[in-house]
Amino acid sequence: MKKTLIVLIAIGIGAFANAQKTKQDEGIKIGIKGGLNVSNLMGDVKDVAIRTSIHAGLVAEIIVSDKFSIQPELLYSGQGASDTREGGGRIKLDYITLPVLAKFPIAKSLSLETGPQVGFLISGKYKDNDSNDKIEDQKKLILDLTPV
């Protein structure tokens, strides 16, 4: 009986000590990220519609406190537009993006993220049934602020 009581007390203390662990004690988390991109072009372009593609890559979360963490990412991002003219093709712009997000947890599985992002153009092509032409005169570097 004494042994059972001692084991139950030890398990209770262990569970209580584990429950007191803060989010900051977790340190750095590393993972993968992926999703669907729906993009379009704006400005002096006509006859274009959305292009669907993917974004995927690596993500790290550096936990600073229970209410704040920094989340750097390294992602591939397929962007561009579809040409809606007859026989039209697709404008494919492929980027490597590096967002650095400030992350504020709101609930267990919900957080608010914001921060700057830099993107490097790795490929720009116009593809249709007859050609696969490289796009010239395209910005090689993009900078923006990503509110989410």
N, C-alpha and C. Protein backbone atom coordinates (compact mmCIF):
# COMPACT_ATOMS: atom_id res chain seq x y z
N MET A 1 0.82 -1.19 0.00
CA MET A 1 0.00 0.00 0.00
C MET A 1 0.87 1.26 0.00
N LYS A 2 1.93 1.25 0.83
CA LYS A 2 2.82 2.41 0.90
C LYS A 2 3.50 2.65 -0.44
N LYS A 3 3.92 1.57 -1.09
CA LYS A 3 4.60 1.69 -2.39
C LYS A 3 3.66 2.30 -3.43
N THR A 4 2.43 1.86 -3.44
CA THR A 4 1.45 2.39 -4.38
C THR A 4 1.22 3.88 -4.15
N LEU A 5 1.11 4.27 -2.89
CA LEU A 5 0.91 5.66 -2.55
C LEU A 5 2.11 6.51 -2.97
N ILE A 6 3.31 6.02 -2.74
CA ILE A 6 4.54 6.74 -3.12
C ILE A 6 4.61 6.88 -4.65
N VAL A 7 4.28 5.82 -5.38
CA VAL A 7 4.28 5.88 -6.85
C VAL A 7 3.26 6.90 -7.35
N LEU A 8 2.05 6.91 -6.78
CA LEU A 8 1.03 7.87 -7.19
C LEU A 8 1.45 9.31 -6.89
N ILE A 9 2.07 9.55 -5.76
CA ILE A 9 2.56 10.88 -5.42
C ILE A 9 3.66 11.30 -6.39
N ALA A 10 4.57 10.40 -6.71
CA ALA A 10 5.65 10.70 -7.65
C ALA A 10 5.10 11.04 -9.04
N ILE A 11 4.11 10.27 -9.48
CA ILE A 11 3.49 10.55 -10.79
C ILE A 11 2.79 11.91 -10.76
N GLY A 12 2.10 12.20 -9.67
CA GLY A 12 1.42 13.50 -9.53
C GLY A 12 2.37 14.67 -9.55
N ILE A 13 3.49 14.54 -8.84
CA ILE A 13 4.50 15.60 -8.82
C ILE A 13 5.11 15.77 -10.21
N GLY A 14 5.38 14.66 -10.87
CA GLY A 14 5.94 14.71 -12.23
C GLY A 14 4.98 15.37 -13.21
N ALA A 15 3.70 15.05 -13.12
CA ALA A 15 2.70 15.66 -14.00
C ALA A 15 2.57 17.14 -13.71
N PHE A 16 2.59 17.51 -12.42
CA PHE A 16 2.49 18.92 -12.05
C PHE A 16 3.71 19.69 -12.54
N ALA A 17 4.90 19.12 -12.38
CA ALA A 17 6.13 19.78 -12.84
C ALA A 17 6.11 19.93 -14.35
N ASN A 18 5.61 18.95 -15.07
CA ASN A 18 5.53 19.02 -16.53
C ASN A 18 4.51 20.06 -16.96
N ALA A 19 3.41 20.21 -16.24
CA ALA A 19 2.37 21.17 -16.57
C ALA A 19 2.86 22.60 -16.38
N GLN A 20 3.85 22.81 -15.54
CA GLN A 20 4.37 24.14 -15.28
C GLN A 20 5.39 24.60 -16.32
N LYS A 21 5.71 23.75 -17.27
CA LYS A 21 6.67 24.08 -18.31
C LYS A 21 6.12 25.24 -19.15
N THR A 22 6.92 26.27 -19.37
CA THR A 22 6.46 27.40 -20.17
C THR A 22 6.79 27.16 -21.64
N LYS A 23 6.16 27.94 -22.46
CA LYS A 23 6.41 27.84 -23.90
C LYS A 23 7.87 28.20 -24.21
N GLN A 24 8.43 29.10 -23.44
CA GLN A 24 9.81 29.53 -23.65
C GLN A 24 10.78 28.37 -23.44
N ASP A 25 10.44 27.43 -22.58
CA ASP A 25 11.29 26.28 -22.33
C ASP A 25 11.42 25.37 -23.55
N GLU A 26 10.50 25.51 -24.49
CA GLU A 26 10.55 24.68 -25.69
C GLU A 26 11.68 25.10 -26.62
N GLY A 27 12.17 26.34 -26.53
CA GLY A 27 13.32 26.79 -27.31
C GLY A 27 13.00 27.07 -28.76
N ILE A 28 13.58 26.28 -29.67
CA ILE A 28 13.40 26.47 -31.11
C ILE A 28 12.68 25.26 -31.69
N LYS A 29 11.65 25.53 -32.48
CA LYS A 29 10.93 24.47 -33.19
C LYS A 29 11.23 24.61 -34.67
N ILE A 30 11.44 23.49 -35.36
CA ILE A 30 11.72 23.49 -36.80
C ILE A 30 10.68 22.61 -37.47
N GLY A 31 10.22 23.06 -38.65
CA GLY A 31 9.21 22.28 -39.36
C GLY A 31 9.17 22.60 -40.84
N ILE A 32 8.16 22.08 -41.50
CA ILE A 32 7.95 22.34 -42.91
C ILE A 32 6.63 23.10 -43.07
N LYS A 33 6.52 23.81 -44.19
CA LYS A 33 5.33 24.61 -44.46
C LYS A 33 4.99 24.46 -45.93
N GLY A 34 3.72 24.44 -46.23
CA GLY A 34 3.30 24.34 -47.62
C GLY A 34 1.89 24.86 -47.78
N GLY A 35 1.56 25.25 -49.00
CA GLY A 35 0.21 25.74 -49.25
C GLY A 35 0.01 26.10 -50.70
N LEU A 36 -1.14 26.69 -50.96
CA LEU A 36 -1.56 27.07 -52.30
C LEU A 36 -1.35 28.56 -52.49
N ASN A 37 -0.74 28.96 -53.60
CA ASN A 37 -0.61 30.38 -53.97
C ASN A 37 -1.63 30.68 -55.05
N VAL A 38 -2.35 31.77 -54.91
CA VAL A 38 -3.25 32.28 -55.94
C VAL A 38 -2.76 33.70 -56.22
N SER A 39 -2.13 33.92 -57.39
CA SER A 39 -1.50 35.20 -57.67
C SER A 39 -1.99 35.78 -58.99
N ASN A 40 -1.72 37.07 -59.18
CA ASN A 40 -2.07 37.79 -60.39
C ASN A 40 -1.08 38.93 -60.54
N LEU A 41 -1.06 39.57 -61.70
CA LEU A 41 -0.20 40.71 -61.94
C LEU A 41 -1.03 41.97 -61.97
N MET A 42 -0.45 43.09 -61.53
CA MET A 42 -1.14 44.38 -61.54
C MET A 42 -0.27 45.40 -62.26
N GLY A 43 -0.87 46.47 -62.70
CA GLY A 43 -0.13 47.53 -63.36
C GLY A 43 -0.52 47.63 -64.82
N ASP A 44 0.48 47.83 -65.68
CA ASP A 44 0.23 48.00 -67.12
C ASP A 44 0.15 46.66 -67.84
N VAL A 45 -0.65 45.77 -67.36
CA VAL A 45 -0.85 44.48 -68.00
C VAL A 45 -2.34 44.30 -68.28
N LYS A 46 -2.64 43.65 -69.38
CA LYS A 46 -4.04 43.42 -69.76
C LYS A 46 -4.22 41.95 -70.07
N ASP A 47 -5.44 41.52 -70.02
CA ASP A 47 -5.83 40.16 -70.39
C ASP A 47 -5.11 39.10 -69.55
N VAL A 48 -5.06 39.31 -68.26
CA VAL A 48 -4.47 38.30 -67.38
C VAL A 48 -5.47 37.91 -66.29
N ALA A 49 -5.34 36.71 -65.82
CA ALA A 49 -6.17 36.18 -64.74
C ALA A 49 -5.25 35.50 -63.73
N ILE A 50 -5.82 34.94 -62.69
CA ILE A 50 -5.01 34.35 -61.63
C ILE A 50 -4.24 33.12 -62.11
N ARG A 51 -3.13 32.89 -61.46
CA ARG A 51 -2.35 31.67 -61.63
C ARG A 51 -2.30 30.97 -60.28
N THR A 52 -2.60 29.69 -60.27
CA THR A 52 -2.46 28.93 -59.03
C THR A 52 -1.16 28.15 -59.07
N SER A 53 -0.50 28.11 -57.95
CA SER A 53 0.76 27.40 -57.81
C SER A 53 0.90 27.02 -56.34
N ILE A 54 2.13 26.68 -55.95
CA ILE A 54 2.37 26.26 -54.56
C ILE A 54 3.40 27.15 -53.90
N HIS A 55 3.45 27.10 -52.59
CA HIS A 55 4.60 27.59 -51.84
C HIS A 55 4.92 26.50 -50.81
N ALA A 56 6.21 26.28 -50.62
CA ALA A 56 6.64 25.22 -49.70
C ALA A 56 8.05 25.53 -49.22
N GLY A 57 8.36 25.06 -48.02
CA GLY A 57 9.70 25.27 -47.51
C GLY A 57 9.86 24.93 -46.05
N LEU A 58 10.89 25.51 -45.46
CA LEU A 58 11.24 25.25 -44.07
C LEU A 58 10.87 26.44 -43.19
N VAL A 59 10.54 26.14 -41.95
CA VAL A 59 10.16 27.18 -41.00
C VAL A 59 10.79 26.86 -39.64
N ALA A 60 11.20 27.90 -38.94
CA ALA A 60 11.71 27.76 -37.57
C ALA A 60 10.94 28.73 -36.69
N GLU A 61 10.72 28.35 -35.46
CA GLU A 61 10.07 29.26 -34.51
C GLU A 61 11.00 29.39 -33.30
N ILE A 62 11.48 30.60 -33.08
CA ILE A 62 12.35 30.89 -31.95
C ILE A 62 11.47 31.51 -30.87
N ILE A 63 11.23 30.76 -29.82
CA ILE A 63 10.30 31.19 -28.78
C ILE A 63 11.03 32.11 -27.81
N VAL A 64 10.57 33.36 -27.74
CA VAL A 64 11.15 34.36 -26.87
C VAL A 64 10.44 34.37 -25.53
N SER A 65 9.10 34.32 -25.58
CA SER A 65 8.30 34.26 -24.35
C SER A 65 6.99 33.53 -24.67
N ASP A 66 6.14 33.41 -23.67
CA ASP A 66 4.86 32.74 -23.89
C ASP A 66 3.96 33.53 -24.83
N LYS A 67 4.22 34.82 -24.99
CA LYS A 67 3.35 35.67 -25.80
C LYS A 67 4.02 36.21 -27.06
N PHE A 68 5.25 35.77 -27.37
CA PHE A 68 5.96 36.29 -28.54
C PHE A 68 7.02 35.31 -29.02
N SER A 69 7.10 35.14 -30.33
CA SER A 69 8.19 34.36 -30.92
C SER A 69 8.53 34.95 -32.27
N ILE A 70 9.72 34.61 -32.76
CA ILE A 70 10.20 35.06 -34.07
C ILE A 70 10.22 33.83 -34.98
N GLN A 71 9.67 34.00 -36.19
CA GLN A 71 9.53 32.86 -37.09
C GLN A 71 10.18 33.16 -38.44
N PRO A 72 11.46 32.80 -38.64
CA PRO A 72 12.07 32.92 -39.96
C PRO A 72 11.67 31.73 -40.83
N GLU A 73 11.54 31.98 -42.13
CA GLU A 73 11.14 30.93 -43.06
C GLU A 73 12.00 31.00 -44.32
N LEU A 74 12.14 29.89 -45.01
CA LEU A 74 12.80 29.80 -46.31
C LEU A 74 11.84 29.04 -47.21
N LEU A 75 11.25 29.75 -48.21
CA LEU A 75 10.17 29.17 -49.00
C LEU A 75 10.41 29.30 -50.50
N TYR A 76 9.93 28.31 -51.26
CA TYR A 76 9.76 28.43 -52.71
C TYR A 76 8.35 28.97 -52.92
N SER A 77 8.19 29.95 -53.82
CA SER A 77 6.87 30.53 -54.07
C SER A 77 6.65 30.68 -55.57
N GLY A 78 5.68 29.94 -56.11
CA GLY A 78 5.30 30.05 -57.51
C GLY A 78 4.27 31.15 -57.67
N GLN A 79 4.58 32.17 -58.49
CA GLN A 79 3.68 33.30 -58.68
C GLN A 79 3.52 33.57 -60.17
N GLY A 80 2.75 34.59 -60.53
CA GLY A 80 2.56 34.96 -61.92
C GLY A 80 1.11 35.16 -62.25
N ALA A 81 0.74 34.87 -63.51
CA ALA A 81 -0.63 35.06 -63.98
C ALA A 81 -0.87 34.18 -65.20
N SER A 82 -2.14 34.04 -65.55
CA SER A 82 -2.53 33.31 -66.77
C SER A 82 -2.92 34.32 -67.83
N ASP A 83 -2.52 34.08 -69.07
CA ASP A 83 -2.87 34.94 -70.20
C ASP A 83 -4.25 34.51 -70.70
N THR A 84 -5.21 35.45 -70.72
CA THR A 84 -6.58 35.09 -71.09
C THR A 84 -6.87 35.28 -72.58
N ARG A 85 -5.90 35.75 -73.35
CA ARG A 85 -6.11 35.90 -74.79
C ARG A 85 -6.20 34.52 -75.44
N GLU A 86 -6.75 34.47 -76.63
CA GLU A 86 -6.90 33.19 -77.34
C GLU A 86 -5.53 32.54 -77.53
N GLY A 87 -5.44 31.27 -77.17
CA GLY A 87 -4.16 30.55 -77.25
C GLY A 87 -3.19 30.97 -76.17
N GLY A 88 -3.69 31.66 -75.16
CA GLY A 88 -2.83 32.21 -74.10
C GLY A 88 -2.14 31.13 -73.28
N GLY A 89 -1.11 31.55 -72.61
CA GLY A 89 -0.34 30.64 -71.77
C GLY A 89 -0.29 31.13 -70.34
N ARG A 90 0.85 30.92 -69.71
CA ARG A 90 1.03 31.33 -68.31
C ARG A 90 2.33 32.09 -68.14
N ILE A 91 2.26 33.12 -67.32
CA ILE A 91 3.45 33.85 -66.91
C ILE A 91 3.87 33.23 -65.59
N LYS A 92 5.02 32.56 -65.59
CA LYS A 92 5.49 31.85 -64.40
C LYS A 92 6.67 32.59 -63.80
N LEU A 93 6.50 33.05 -62.57
CA LEU A 93 7.56 33.72 -61.83
C LEU A 93 7.82 32.90 -60.57
N ASP A 94 9.00 32.34 -60.47
CA ASP A 94 9.35 31.50 -59.33
C ASP A 94 10.34 32.23 -58.43
N TYR A 95 10.00 32.29 -57.14
CA TYR A 95 10.79 33.04 -56.16
C TYR A 95 11.25 32.13 -55.02
N ILE A 96 12.37 32.50 -54.43
CA ILE A 96 12.77 32.02 -53.11
C ILE A 96 12.52 33.19 -52.18
N THR A 97 11.66 32.99 -51.19
CA THR A 97 11.31 34.08 -50.28
C THR A 97 11.84 33.80 -48.87
N LEU A 98 12.19 34.87 -48.19
CA LEU A 98 12.71 34.79 -46.82
C LEU A 98 11.91 35.73 -45.92
N PRO A 99 10.76 35.30 -45.42
CA PRO A 99 10.03 36.12 -44.45
C PRO A 99 10.60 35.93 -43.05
N VAL A 100 10.57 36.99 -42.26
CA VAL A 100 10.92 36.93 -40.84
C VAL A 100 9.73 37.53 -40.10
N LEU A 101 8.96 36.68 -39.46
CA LEU A 101 7.69 37.08 -38.88
C LEU A 101 7.75 37.20 -37.36
N ALA A 102 7.08 38.21 -36.84
CA ALA A 102 6.84 38.32 -35.41
C ALA A 102 5.51 37.59 -35.16
N LYS A 103 5.51 36.65 -34.25
CA LYS A 103 4.35 35.80 -34.02
C LYS A 103 3.81 36.03 -32.62
N PHE A 104 2.50 36.33 -32.56
CA PHE A 104 1.82 36.58 -31.30
C PHE A 104 0.70 35.57 -31.13
N PRO A 105 0.86 34.57 -30.25
CA PRO A 105 -0.20 33.57 -30.06
C PRO A 105 -1.45 34.20 -29.45
N ILE A 106 -2.61 33.84 -30.01
CA ILE A 106 -3.89 34.33 -29.50
C ILE A 106 -4.60 33.21 -28.74
N ALA A 107 -4.61 32.03 -29.32
CA ALA A 107 -5.19 30.84 -28.69
C ALA A 107 -4.24 29.68 -28.95
N LYS A 108 -4.62 28.49 -28.52
CA LYS A 108 -3.73 27.33 -28.63
C LYS A 108 -3.26 27.08 -30.07
N SER A 109 -4.16 27.17 -31.04
CA SER A 109 -3.81 26.91 -32.44
C SER A 109 -4.00 28.12 -33.34
N LEU A 110 -4.01 29.31 -32.77
CA LEU A 110 -4.25 30.53 -33.55
C LEU A 110 -3.26 31.60 -33.13
N SER A 111 -2.64 32.26 -34.13
CA SER A 111 -1.70 33.33 -33.81
C SER A 111 -1.77 34.42 -34.86
N LEU A 112 -1.31 35.60 -34.50
CA LEU A 112 -1.21 36.74 -35.39
C LEU A 112 0.26 36.87 -35.77
N GLU A 113 0.53 36.98 -37.09
CA GLU A 113 1.91 37.06 -37.57
C GLU A 113 2.06 38.26 -38.50
N THR A 114 3.20 38.96 -38.40
CA THR A 114 3.49 40.07 -39.27
C THR A 114 5.01 40.23 -39.37
N GLY A 115 5.47 40.79 -40.49
CA GLY A 115 6.89 41.03 -40.62
C GLY A 115 7.31 41.25 -42.05
N PRO A 116 8.58 41.59 -42.26
CA PRO A 116 9.09 41.84 -43.62
C PRO A 116 9.41 40.54 -44.34
N GLN A 117 9.45 40.65 -45.66
CA GLN A 117 9.79 39.50 -46.51
C GLN A 117 10.64 39.99 -47.67
N VAL A 118 11.66 39.24 -48.00
CA VAL A 118 12.46 39.53 -49.19
C VAL A 118 12.32 38.32 -50.11
N GLY A 119 12.18 38.59 -51.41
CA GLY A 119 12.05 37.52 -52.38
C GLY A 119 13.05 37.67 -53.51
N PHE A 120 13.64 36.58 -53.94
CA PHE A 120 14.62 36.57 -55.02
C PHE A 120 14.04 35.80 -56.20
N LEU A 121 13.93 36.44 -57.37
CA LEU A 121 13.42 35.79 -58.57
C LEU A 121 14.44 34.77 -59.06
N ILE A 122 14.05 33.51 -59.16
CA ILE A 122 14.97 32.49 -59.65
C ILE A 122 14.64 32.06 -61.07
N SER A 123 13.40 32.33 -61.51
CA SER A 123 13.01 31.97 -62.87
C SER A 123 11.80 32.78 -63.29
N GLY A 124 11.83 33.30 -64.52
CA GLY A 124 10.70 34.01 -65.09
C GLY A 124 10.48 33.52 -66.51
N LYS A 125 9.32 32.90 -66.78
CA LYS A 125 9.07 32.32 -68.10
C LYS A 125 7.64 32.60 -68.55
N TYR A 126 7.47 32.67 -69.88
CA TYR A 126 6.13 32.69 -70.48
C TYR A 126 5.97 31.36 -71.20
N LYS A 127 5.01 30.57 -70.75
CA LYS A 127 4.81 29.24 -71.33
C LYS A 127 3.45 29.18 -72.01
N ASP A 128 3.45 28.67 -73.24
CA ASP A 128 2.20 28.33 -73.92
C ASP A 128 2.44 27.04 -74.70
N ASN A 129 1.51 26.68 -75.57
CA ASN A 129 1.65 25.42 -76.30
C ASN A 129 2.83 25.42 -77.25
N ASP A 130 3.24 26.60 -77.75
CA ASP A 130 4.29 26.69 -78.75
C ASP A 130 5.65 27.12 -78.21
N SER A 131 5.70 27.72 -77.04
CA SER A 131 6.97 28.27 -76.58
C SER A 131 7.15 28.15 -75.07
N ASN A 132 8.39 28.36 -74.68
CA ASN A 132 8.77 28.39 -73.27
C ASN A 132 9.85 29.47 -73.16
N ASP A 133 9.43 30.75 -73.31
CA ASP A 133 10.37 31.87 -73.41
C ASP A 133 10.71 32.44 -72.04
N LYS A 134 11.97 32.84 -71.90
CA LYS A 134 12.43 33.50 -70.68
C LYS A 134 11.93 34.94 -70.69
N ILE A 135 11.45 35.44 -69.55
CA ILE A 135 10.97 36.82 -69.43
C ILE A 135 12.14 37.68 -69.00
N GLU A 136 12.40 38.73 -69.78
CA GLU A 136 13.47 39.68 -69.46
C GLU A 136 12.86 40.89 -68.76
N ASP A 137 13.68 41.77 -68.23
CA ASP A 137 13.26 43.02 -67.59
C ASP A 137 12.29 42.81 -66.44
N GLN A 138 12.52 41.81 -65.64
CA GLN A 138 11.69 41.53 -64.47
C GLN A 138 12.50 41.85 -63.22
N LYS A 139 11.86 42.43 -62.21
CA LYS A 139 12.56 42.72 -60.95
C LYS A 139 13.11 41.43 -60.36
N LYS A 140 14.37 41.44 -59.98
CA LYS A 140 15.01 40.26 -59.41
C LYS A 140 14.85 40.17 -57.90
N LEU A 141 14.45 41.27 -57.26
CA LEU A 141 14.35 41.33 -55.80
C LEU A 141 13.05 42.04 -55.43
N ILE A 142 12.31 41.46 -54.50
CA ILE A 142 11.09 42.11 -54.00
C ILE A 142 11.19 42.23 -52.48
N LEU A 143 10.69 43.32 -51.95
CA LEU A 143 10.63 43.54 -50.51
C LEU A 143 9.19 43.93 -50.18
N ASP A 144 8.63 43.35 -49.14
CA ASP A 144 7.30 43.77 -48.71
C ASP A 144 7.09 43.47 -47.23
N LEU A 145 5.99 43.98 -46.71
CA LEU A 145 5.60 43.75 -45.33
C LEU A 145 4.40 42.81 -45.36
N THR A 146 4.49 41.73 -44.61
CA THR A 146 3.48 40.67 -44.66
C THR A 146 2.61 40.69 -43.42
N PRO A 147 1.47 41.38 -43.46
CA PRO A 147 0.53 41.24 -42.33
C PRO A 147 -0.36 40.04 -42.55
N VAL A 148 -0.54 39.23 -41.53
CA VAL A 148 -1.39 38.04 -41.67
C VAL A 148 -2.42 38.05 -40.55
